[in-house]
Amino acid sequence: MVDSNQVENEPDAAFWQMTDKFIGFANEQAASNELGVVNASFLFASARFNTFLIATQCGNKETFEAEKAAALEYFVNQYKIALTEHMADYQAKFDTYITASS
């Protein structure tokens, strides 16, 4: 299954650099596309890559089929945690974030 210990314990500098690059790319796309389309594409790409990750870690179809429910639960839970944290951050700093991006 997914080895998430490094990210869950303490993300390193490479994690934050990649995160910033992904967000930067999404922001570039948002300049010429609707935000909803950019968001849907970002979610789809993440789901596609998550599935690829699980498939490569499983190594064969039988193991993939056996692990997919646990993987789905893991990724949905991780997304919910991250989304909840970011929503709390935006709630606390809404005027600063929205004014800065307008």
N, C-alpha and C. Protein backbone atom coordinates (compact mmCIF):
# COMPACT_ATOMS: atom_id res chain seq x y z
N MET A 1 0.83 -1.18 0.00
CA MET A 1 0.00 0.00 0.00
C MET A 1 0.88 1.24 0.00
N VAL A 2 0.29 2.39 -0.03
CA VAL A 2 1.00 3.65 -0.13
C VAL A 2 1.86 3.87 1.11
N ASP A 3 3.13 4.21 0.90
CA ASP A 3 4.01 4.56 2.00
C ASP A 3 3.91 6.06 2.20
N SER A 4 3.11 6.46 3.16
CA SER A 4 2.86 7.88 3.38
C SER A 4 3.54 8.40 4.63
N ASN A 5 4.37 7.60 5.26
CA ASN A 5 5.00 8.01 6.52
C ASN A 5 5.77 9.31 6.38
N GLN A 6 6.53 9.48 5.31
CA GLN A 6 7.33 10.69 5.15
C GLN A 6 6.43 11.93 5.10
N VAL A 7 5.37 11.88 4.34
CA VAL A 7 4.49 13.03 4.21
C VAL A 7 3.70 13.26 5.49
N GLU A 8 3.19 12.19 6.09
CA GLU A 8 2.39 12.35 7.28
C GLU A 8 3.21 12.80 8.48
N ASN A 9 4.48 12.37 8.58
CA ASN A 9 5.31 12.76 9.71
C ASN A 9 5.76 14.21 9.57
N GLU A 10 6.45 14.52 8.51
CA GLU A 10 6.91 15.88 8.27
C GLU A 10 7.35 16.00 6.82
N PRO A 11 6.58 16.73 6.02
CA PRO A 11 6.98 16.88 4.62
C PRO A 11 8.33 17.60 4.52
N ASP A 12 9.14 17.18 3.56
CA ASP A 12 10.45 17.80 3.38
C ASP A 12 10.35 18.94 2.35
N ALA A 13 11.49 19.57 2.08
CA ALA A 13 11.53 20.70 1.17
C ALA A 13 11.06 20.31 -0.24
N ALA A 14 11.42 19.12 -0.69
CA ALA A 14 11.01 18.67 -2.03
C ALA A 14 9.48 18.58 -2.13
N PHE A 15 8.84 18.11 -1.07
CA PHE A 15 7.37 18.04 -1.03
C PHE A 15 6.77 19.43 -1.24
N TRP A 16 7.26 20.42 -0.51
CA TRP A 16 6.71 21.78 -0.61
C TRP A 16 7.02 22.41 -1.96
N GLN A 17 8.19 22.13 -2.53
CA GLN A 17 8.52 22.66 -3.85
C GLN A 17 7.60 22.09 -4.91
N MET A 18 7.34 20.77 -4.84
CA MET A 18 6.41 20.16 -5.80
C MET A 18 5.01 20.72 -5.63
N THR A 19 4.58 20.86 -4.38
CA THR A 19 3.26 21.41 -4.10
C THR A 19 3.12 22.79 -4.72
N ASP A 20 4.13 23.64 -4.50
CA ASP A 20 4.10 25.00 -5.07
C ASP A 20 4.08 24.97 -6.59
N LYS A 21 4.80 24.04 -7.21
CA LYS A 21 4.81 23.93 -8.67
C LYS A 21 3.45 23.50 -9.20
N PHE A 22 2.82 22.52 -8.53
CA PHE A 22 1.48 22.08 -8.96
C PHE A 22 0.48 23.23 -8.86
N ILE A 23 0.52 23.95 -7.74
CA ILE A 23 -0.40 25.08 -7.56
C ILE A 23 -0.09 26.18 -8.57
N GLY A 24 1.19 26.44 -8.80
CA GLY A 24 1.57 27.44 -9.79
C GLY A 24 1.06 27.10 -11.17
N PHE A 25 1.17 25.83 -11.54
CA PHE A 25 0.67 25.40 -12.85
C PHE A 25 -0.85 25.58 -12.92
N ALA A 26 -1.55 25.20 -11.86
CA ALA A 26 -3.01 25.37 -11.84
C ALA A 26 -3.37 26.85 -11.96
N ASN A 27 -2.63 27.71 -11.27
CA ASN A 27 -2.89 29.15 -11.36
C ASN A 27 -2.63 29.68 -12.77
N GLU A 28 -1.60 29.18 -13.43
CA GLU A 28 -1.34 29.58 -14.82
C GLU A 28 -2.51 29.18 -15.71
N GLN A 29 -3.03 27.97 -15.51
CA GLN A 29 -4.15 27.50 -16.31
C GLN A 29 -5.41 28.30 -16.03
N ALA A 30 -5.56 28.76 -14.79
CA ALA A 30 -6.74 29.53 -14.40
C ALA A 30 -6.77 30.91 -15.08
N ALA A 31 -5.63 31.37 -15.53
CA ALA A 31 -5.59 32.67 -16.21
C ALA A 31 -6.31 32.62 -17.56
N SER A 32 -6.39 31.44 -18.16
CA SER A 32 -7.02 31.35 -19.48
C SER A 32 -8.13 30.30 -19.56
N ASN A 33 -8.51 29.74 -18.42
CA ASN A 33 -9.58 28.74 -18.38
C ASN A 33 -10.47 29.01 -17.17
N GLU A 34 -11.68 28.50 -17.20
CA GLU A 34 -12.57 28.65 -16.06
C GLU A 34 -12.02 27.90 -14.85
N LEU A 35 -12.17 28.48 -13.67
CA LEU A 35 -11.66 27.86 -12.45
C LEU A 35 -12.22 26.46 -12.24
N GLY A 36 -13.49 26.28 -12.54
CA GLY A 36 -14.11 24.96 -12.38
C GLY A 36 -13.49 23.90 -13.26
N VAL A 37 -13.11 24.29 -14.48
CA VAL A 37 -12.47 23.36 -15.40
C VAL A 37 -11.07 23.02 -14.91
N VAL A 38 -10.33 24.03 -14.44
CA VAL A 38 -8.99 23.78 -13.90
C VAL A 38 -9.08 22.85 -12.70
N ASN A 39 -10.03 23.13 -11.82
CA ASN A 39 -10.21 22.30 -10.63
C ASN A 39 -10.55 20.86 -11.01
N ALA A 40 -11.48 20.68 -11.92
CA ALA A 40 -11.88 19.33 -12.33
C ALA A 40 -10.69 18.59 -12.95
N SER A 41 -9.91 19.28 -13.75
CA SER A 41 -8.75 18.67 -14.38
C SER A 41 -7.71 18.27 -13.33
N PHE A 42 -7.48 19.14 -12.36
CA PHE A 42 -6.52 18.87 -11.29
C PHE A 42 -6.96 17.65 -10.48
N LEU A 43 -8.24 17.58 -10.13
CA LEU A 43 -8.76 16.43 -9.39
C LEU A 43 -8.64 15.14 -10.20
N PHE A 44 -8.99 15.21 -11.48
CA PHE A 44 -8.93 14.04 -12.34
C PHE A 44 -7.48 13.53 -12.45
N ALA A 45 -6.56 14.47 -12.66
CA ALA A 45 -5.14 14.10 -12.78
C ALA A 45 -4.63 13.47 -11.49
N SER A 46 -5.02 14.01 -10.36
CA SER A 46 -4.59 13.45 -9.08
C SER A 46 -5.13 12.04 -8.90
N ALA A 47 -6.40 11.84 -9.21
CA ALA A 47 -6.99 10.51 -9.10
C ALA A 47 -6.30 9.53 -10.04
N ARG A 48 -5.98 9.99 -11.23
CA ARG A 48 -5.30 9.13 -12.20
C ARG A 48 -3.91 8.73 -11.69
N PHE A 49 -3.18 9.70 -11.15
CA PHE A 49 -1.84 9.41 -10.65
C PHE A 49 -1.91 8.53 -9.39
N ASN A 50 -2.88 8.78 -8.51
CA ASN A 50 -3.04 7.93 -7.33
C ASN A 50 -3.29 6.48 -7.74
N THR A 51 -4.11 6.28 -8.74
CA THR A 51 -4.40 4.93 -9.22
C THR A 51 -3.15 4.28 -9.81
N PHE A 52 -2.40 5.05 -10.58
CA PHE A 52 -1.13 4.56 -11.12
C PHE A 52 -0.18 4.15 -10.00
N LEU A 53 -0.09 4.97 -8.96
CA LEU A 53 0.77 4.67 -7.82
C LEU A 53 0.40 3.33 -7.19
N ILE A 54 -0.87 3.14 -6.91
CA ILE A 54 -1.32 1.89 -6.30
C ILE A 54 -1.04 0.70 -7.22
N ALA A 55 -1.36 0.86 -8.49
CA ALA A 55 -1.15 -0.25 -9.43
C ALA A 55 0.32 -0.64 -9.50
N THR A 56 1.22 0.35 -9.54
CA THR A 56 2.64 0.01 -9.62
C THR A 56 3.14 -0.61 -8.33
N GLN A 57 2.60 -0.19 -7.20
CA GLN A 57 3.03 -0.77 -5.92
C GLN A 57 2.49 -2.19 -5.76
N CYS A 58 1.33 -2.45 -6.32
CA CYS A 58 0.75 -3.79 -6.19
C CYS A 58 1.46 -4.80 -7.08
N GLY A 59 1.83 -4.38 -8.26
CA GLY A 59 2.60 -5.26 -9.12
C GLY A 59 1.80 -6.22 -9.97
N ASN A 60 0.61 -6.60 -9.54
CA ASN A 60 -0.22 -7.48 -10.37
C ASN A 60 -1.69 -7.18 -10.12
N LYS A 61 -2.52 -7.64 -11.04
CA LYS A 61 -3.95 -7.31 -11.02
C LYS A 61 -4.64 -7.84 -9.77
N GLU A 62 -4.28 -9.03 -9.33
CA GLU A 62 -4.94 -9.63 -8.17
C GLU A 62 -4.67 -8.81 -6.90
N THR A 63 -3.43 -8.42 -6.72
CA THR A 63 -3.09 -7.59 -5.55
C THR A 63 -3.76 -6.23 -5.66
N PHE A 64 -3.78 -5.67 -6.86
CA PHE A 64 -4.45 -4.39 -7.08
C PHE A 64 -5.92 -4.48 -6.67
N GLU A 65 -6.60 -5.52 -7.12
CA GLU A 65 -8.01 -5.70 -6.78
C GLU A 65 -8.20 -5.87 -5.28
N ALA A 66 -7.26 -6.55 -4.63
CA ALA A 66 -7.36 -6.75 -3.18
C ALA A 66 -7.10 -5.47 -2.40
N GLU A 67 -6.28 -4.58 -2.93
CA GLU A 67 -5.87 -3.37 -2.22
C GLU A 67 -6.69 -2.13 -2.56
N LYS A 68 -7.48 -2.17 -3.63
CA LYS A 68 -8.11 -0.94 -4.11
C LYS A 68 -9.08 -0.32 -3.11
N ALA A 69 -9.81 -1.10 -2.34
CA ALA A 69 -10.73 -0.52 -1.36
C ALA A 69 -9.97 0.22 -0.26
N ALA A 70 -8.89 -0.38 0.22
CA ALA A 70 -8.07 0.27 1.25
C ALA A 70 -7.42 1.53 0.69
N ALA A 71 -6.97 1.47 -0.56
CA ALA A 71 -6.35 2.64 -1.18
C ALA A 71 -7.36 3.77 -1.35
N LEU A 72 -8.55 3.43 -1.79
CA LEU A 72 -9.60 4.43 -1.94
C LEU A 72 -9.90 5.10 -0.60
N GLU A 73 -10.04 4.31 0.43
CA GLU A 73 -10.30 4.86 1.76
C GLU A 73 -9.15 5.78 2.20
N TYR A 74 -7.92 5.35 1.97
CA TYR A 74 -6.75 6.14 2.35
C TYR A 74 -6.76 7.49 1.63
N PHE A 75 -6.90 7.48 0.30
CA PHE A 75 -6.81 8.73 -0.45
C PHE A 75 -7.98 9.66 -0.14
N VAL A 76 -9.18 9.13 0.01
CA VAL A 76 -10.33 9.97 0.36
C VAL A 76 -10.11 10.61 1.74
N ASN A 77 -9.60 9.83 2.69
CA ASN A 77 -9.34 10.36 4.02
C ASN A 77 -8.26 11.44 3.98
N GLN A 78 -7.18 11.21 3.24
CA GLN A 78 -6.11 12.20 3.14
C GLN A 78 -6.61 13.49 2.50
N TYR A 79 -7.44 13.37 1.48
CA TYR A 79 -8.00 14.56 0.84
C TYR A 79 -8.91 15.31 1.81
N LYS A 80 -9.72 14.58 2.54
CA LYS A 80 -10.62 15.23 3.50
C LYS A 80 -9.83 15.97 4.57
N ILE A 81 -8.77 15.38 5.06
CA ILE A 81 -7.93 16.04 6.07
C ILE A 81 -7.34 17.33 5.49
N ALA A 82 -6.75 17.24 4.30
CA ALA A 82 -6.13 18.41 3.69
C ALA A 82 -7.16 19.49 3.39
N LEU A 83 -8.30 19.11 2.84
CA LEU A 83 -9.34 20.09 2.51
C LEU A 83 -9.87 20.76 3.77
N THR A 84 -10.08 20.01 4.83
CA THR A 84 -10.55 20.56 6.10
C THR A 84 -9.55 21.57 6.65
N GLU A 85 -8.26 21.23 6.61
CA GLU A 85 -7.22 22.14 7.10
C GLU A 85 -7.18 23.43 6.29
N HIS A 86 -7.26 23.30 4.96
CA HIS A 86 -7.20 24.50 4.11
C HIS A 86 -8.45 25.36 4.26
N MET A 87 -9.60 24.74 4.45
CA MET A 87 -10.82 25.52 4.67
C MET A 87 -10.74 26.30 5.99
N ALA A 88 -10.21 25.68 7.01
CA ALA A 88 -10.04 26.37 8.30
C ALA A 88 -9.08 27.55 8.15
N ASP A 89 -8.01 27.35 7.38
CA ASP A 89 -7.04 28.41 7.14
C ASP A 89 -7.70 29.57 6.39
N TYR A 90 -8.46 29.25 5.35
CA TYR A 90 -9.15 30.30 4.60
C TYR A 90 -10.20 31.00 5.45
N GLN A 91 -10.88 30.26 6.29
CA GLN A 91 -11.88 30.88 7.16
C GLN A 91 -11.20 31.90 8.07
N ALA A 92 -10.05 31.56 8.61
CA ALA A 92 -9.34 32.44 9.53
C ALA A 92 -8.73 33.65 8.81
N LYS A 93 -8.34 33.47 7.54
CA LYS A 93 -7.62 34.53 6.82
C LYS A 93 -8.32 34.93 5.52
N PHE A 94 -9.63 34.76 5.49
CA PHE A 94 -10.40 34.94 4.27
C PHE A 94 -10.13 36.29 3.60
N ASP A 95 -10.26 37.38 4.34
CA ASP A 95 -10.09 38.70 3.75
C ASP A 95 -8.68 38.91 3.20
N THR A 96 -7.70 38.39 3.88
CA THR A 96 -6.32 38.51 3.40
C THR A 96 -6.11 37.73 2.12
N TYR A 97 -6.55 36.47 2.08
CA TYR A 97 -6.36 35.64 0.90
C TYR A 97 -7.15 36.13 -0.30
N ILE A 98 -8.39 36.46 -0.09
CA ILE A 98 -9.24 36.84 -1.21
C ILE A 98 -8.88 38.22 -1.73
N THR A 99 -8.56 39.15 -0.85
CA THR A 99 -8.13 40.47 -1.28
C THR A 99 -6.84 40.39 -2.06
N ALA A 100 -5.91 39.54 -1.59
CA ALA A 100 -4.61 39.39 -2.25
C ALA A 100 -4.75 38.80 -3.64
N SER A 101 -5.74 37.92 -3.85
CA SER A 101 -5.87 37.26 -5.15
C SER A 101 -6.78 38.02 -6.11
N SER A 102 -7.46 39.04 -5.63
CA SER A 102 -8.40 39.79 -6.49
C SER A 102 -7.70 40.86 -7.31
